[in-house]
Protein backbone atom coordinates (compact mmCIF):
# COMPACT_ATOMS: atom_id res chain seq x y z
CA UNK A 1 -16.46 -1.71 1.44
CA UNK A 2 -14.73 -0.05 4.11
CA UNK A 3 -10.73 -0.39 4.58
CA UNK A 4 -11.38 -2.04 7.76
CA UNK A 5 -13.20 -4.90 5.86
CA UNK A 6 -10.42 -4.67 2.91
CA UNK A 7 -7.47 -5.21 5.91
CA UNK A 8 -9.59 -7.95 7.52
CA UNK A 9 -9.38 -9.99 4.03
CA UNK A 10 -5.40 -9.59 4.11
CA UNK A 11 -3.50 -13.00 4.62
CA UNK A 12 -0.94 -10.80 6.92
CA UNK A 13 -1.72 -8.25 8.95
CA UNK A 14 0.75 -5.11 10.21
CA UNK A 15 3.15 -3.41 8.10
CA UNK A 16 6.79 -4.07 7.04
CA UNK A 17 8.80 -1.19 7.49
CA UNK A 18 12.78 0.08 7.66
CA UNK A 19 13.97 2.28 9.54
CA UNK A 20 15.64 5.63 8.36
CA UNK A 21 19.64 5.07 7.30
CA UNK A 22 18.87 1.90 5.98
CA UNK A 23 20.36 1.59 2.63
CA UNK A 24 18.29 1.26 -0.72
CA UNK A 25 20.23 -2.40 -1.63
CA UNK A 26 19.26 -3.33 2.26
CA UNK A 27 15.53 -2.34 1.61
CA UNK A 28 15.55 -3.98 -2.25
CA UNK A 29 16.35 -6.96 0.53
CA UNK A 30 13.30 -7.07 2.23
CA UNK A 31 11.08 -6.12 -1.18
CA UNK A 32 12.11 -9.17 -2.68
CA UNK A 33 12.50 -11.41 0.61
CA UNK A 34 8.81 -10.62 1.43
CA UNK A 35 7.43 -10.49 -2.34
CA UNK A 36 5.94 -6.74 -1.81
CA UNK A 37 5.97 -3.56 -3.75
CA UNK A 38 6.91 -1.31 -1.41
CA UNK A 39 8.23 -0.48 2.10
CA UNK A 40 7.40 2.06 4.87
CA UNK A 41 10.42 3.62 5.99
CA UNK A 42 9.50 4.44 10.20
CA UNK A 43 11.51 4.38 13.35
CA UNK A 44 9.33 3.10 15.15
CA UNK A 45 6.43 0.62 13.45
CA UNK A 46 3.96 3.27 14.08
CA UNK A 47 4.56 7.01 12.57
CA UNK A 48 5.20 6.89 8.46
CA UNK A 49 8.38 8.96 7.44
CA UNK A 50 8.06 7.62 3.91
CA UNK A 51 7.62 5.36 1.59
CA UNK A 52 10.06 3.69 -0.90
CA UNK A 53 8.35 1.21 -3.87
CA UNK A 54 9.99 -0.78 -6.74
CA UNK A 55 9.20 1.73 -8.76
CA UNK A 56 11.49 4.05 -6.79
CA UNK A 57 14.53 1.63 -6.91
CA UNK A 58 13.77 1.18 -10.86
CA UNK A 59 13.48 4.66 -11.28
CA UNK A 60 16.48 5.87 -10.09
CA UNK A 61 18.69 2.49 -11.64
CA UNK A 62 17.62 3.71 -14.82
CA UNK A 63 18.93 7.60 -14.15
CA UNK A 64 21.76 6.77 -12.49
CA UNK A 65 22.63 2.84 -12.18
CA UNK A 66 23.41 0.50 -9.24
CA UNK A 67 25.53 3.34 -7.28
CA UNK A 68 22.48 4.11 -6.05
CA UNK A 69 21.49 1.19 -4.44
CA UNK A 70 24.20 2.63 -1.65
CA UNK A 71 22.01 5.68 -0.96
CA UNK A 72 20.12 5.73 2.11
CA UNK A 73 16.25 4.99 2.25
CA UNK A 74 15.10 8.56 2.81
CA UNK A 75 17.50 10.02 -0.30
CA UNK A 76 14.79 7.92 -2.46
CA UNK A 77 11.50 7.40 -0.76
CA UNK A 78 8.87 9.08 -0.74
CA UNK A 79 8.53 11.90 1.79
CA UNK A 80 4.51 12.90 1.37
CA UNK A 81 2.73 9.84 1.79
CA UNK A 82 -1.36 9.82 1.07
CA UNK A 83 -3.29 7.54 4.04
CA UNK A 84 -6.47 6.28 4.79
CA UNK A 85 -8.39 5.62 7.90
CA UNK A 86 -10.27 2.59 8.96
CA UNK A 87 -13.78 4.08 7.88
CA UNK A 88 -12.65 5.03 4.58
CA UNK A 89 -14.86 4.19 1.32
CA UNK A 90 -12.69 1.88 -0.98
CA UNK A 91 -14.37 3.83 -3.68
CA UNK A 92 -12.48 7.20 -2.34
CA UNK A 93 -9.11 4.88 -1.31
CA UNK A 94 -9.22 3.75 -5.28
CA UNK A 95 -9.90 7.08 -6.68
CA UNK A 96 -7.06 8.69 -4.85
CA UNK A 97 -5.06 5.84 -5.65
CA UNK A 98 -5.67 6.10 -9.36
CA UNK A 99 -5.51 10.52 -8.82
CA UNK A 100 -1.86 9.81 -7.39
CA UNK A 101 -0.41 7.68 -9.50
CA UNK A 102 0.55 5.16 -6.49
CA UNK A 103 -0.23 1.87 -5.51
CA UNK A 104 0.58 1.83 -1.50
CA UNK A 105 -1.85 3.27 1.22
CA UNK A 106 -0.44 3.14 4.88
CA UNK A 107 -4.08 2.59 7.17
CA UNK A 108 -3.96 4.91 9.69
CA UNK A 109 -5.74 4.06 13.53
CA UNK A 110 -5.32 6.70 16.48
CA UNK A 111 -2.70 8.38 14.75
CA UNK A 112 -0.44 4.94 14.42
CA UNK A 113 -0.33 3.16 11.70
CA UNK A 114 -1.95 0.02 11.64
CA UNK A 115 -1.52 -1.88 7.95
CA UNK A 116 -1.17 -1.00 4.13
CA UNK A 117 -3.58 -1.86 1.59
CA UNK A 118 -2.66 -2.04 -1.77
CA UNK A 119 -4.68 -0.91 -5.45
CA UNK A 120 -4.54 -5.08 -6.32
CA UNK A 121 -6.74 -5.31 -2.35
CA UNK A 122 -8.99 -2.27 -3.20
CA UNK A 123 -10.30 -3.76 -6.73
CA UNK A 124 -10.76 -7.33 -5.31
CA UNK A 125 -12.48 -5.80 -2.49
CA UNK A 126 -14.68 -3.88 -5.17
CA UNK A 127 -14.75 -6.83 -7.79
CA UNK A 128 -16.65 -8.51 -4.59
CA UNK A 129 -19.05 -5.99 -3.83
CA UNK A 130 -19.91 -6.00 -7.47
CA UNK A 131 -20.46 -10.12 -7.78
CA UNK A 132 -22.55 -9.74 -5.00
CA UNK A 133 -24.39 -6.83 -6.42
CA UNK A 134 -24.99 -8.62 -9.69
CA UNK A 135 -26.04 -12.03 -7.56
CA UNK A 136 -28.66 -9.81 -5.16
CA UNK A 137 -29.89 -7.97 -9.02
CA UNK A 138 -30.48 -11.68 -10.68
CA UNK A 139 -31.90 -12.85 -7.58
CA UNK A 140 -34.62 -10.41 -7.36
CA UNK A 141 -35.25 -10.21 -11.23
CA UNK A 142 -35.66 -14.06 -11.06
CA UNK A 143 -38.19 -13.75 -7.58
CA UNK A 144 -35.87 -15.18 -5.55
């Protein structure tokens, strides 16, 4: 399955972003309100300056305590972002996420961010593919 098909299966399109200069506390509120695990830092909603995840926030809370919540997102975000394209295969995306130990990947098209996929989205797509392959093989074995 390709990334484009995975995006079509998601309930909502687009990417939730916050602007540089946003406090970590405000970003955490965006995460909570939208029930998402990461937020992209972007000035225009099309370019990805960084990504801030729940794990990033919890890691800093554990190190420094609640004072880190007044930091700006760009002080805590991951700045080097792995992205994928619409035609990338789910297997390669899953491998990159697993090897890089991250769970969220912006999807780019013509230099603009058009969506975000999670490791859960990719695993769900792979399980669907495997179920279809299993059904097709069972059909062939049984002569259907």
